Amino acid sequence: MVLDQAAVLELIDQLRVAVPPEVAQARRVTEEATRITERAREEGDAVIARAQEQAARMLEEKELVQMAKQRAAEIIDVATREAADIRRGGDEYAAGVLIRLEGECIKALTSIKRGIDMLDERYRPPHPETDGTAAVEVEPEPMGSATGS
């Protein structure tokens, strides 16, 4: 069986060109999710830091010590809840992005599989019983040997 080397190389080049945009998009989505999660953590830490600073100032005033302790605890609780909410939101966003990324990767892999299957079908020798002629059994060369690699 003779393979049209130019056609095979063209199909391989088309597959190579089709996959990089999905990979680049996946990288951008992952970087965006990381950036959002990091920003959420920083905001949460800033809220906690502000709450702790406010609590420290309140404690310095002797006549307000008891009230300051109570208020500081409330501020820290609120800040901790807000930080947890911000982190949870960032994590949910990241999970959504990763789920979409997984879908895009599955689509890309499906396209690659279809391309490979198409090449396999295109270069599979015909079955003698389907075309009515006797065919000589020819061992197909592995795909990589056509390019010399």
Foldseek 3Di string as FASTA:
>chain_A
DDDPLVVLVVLVVVLVVVPVVLVVVLVVLLVVLVVQLVVLQVVLVVQLVVLVVQLVVQCVDPVRNVVSVVSSVVSNVVSNVSSVVSNVVSVVSSVVSVVVSVVSVVVSVVVVVVSVVVVCVVPPDDDCVPPVHDDDDDDDDPSVVSVPD
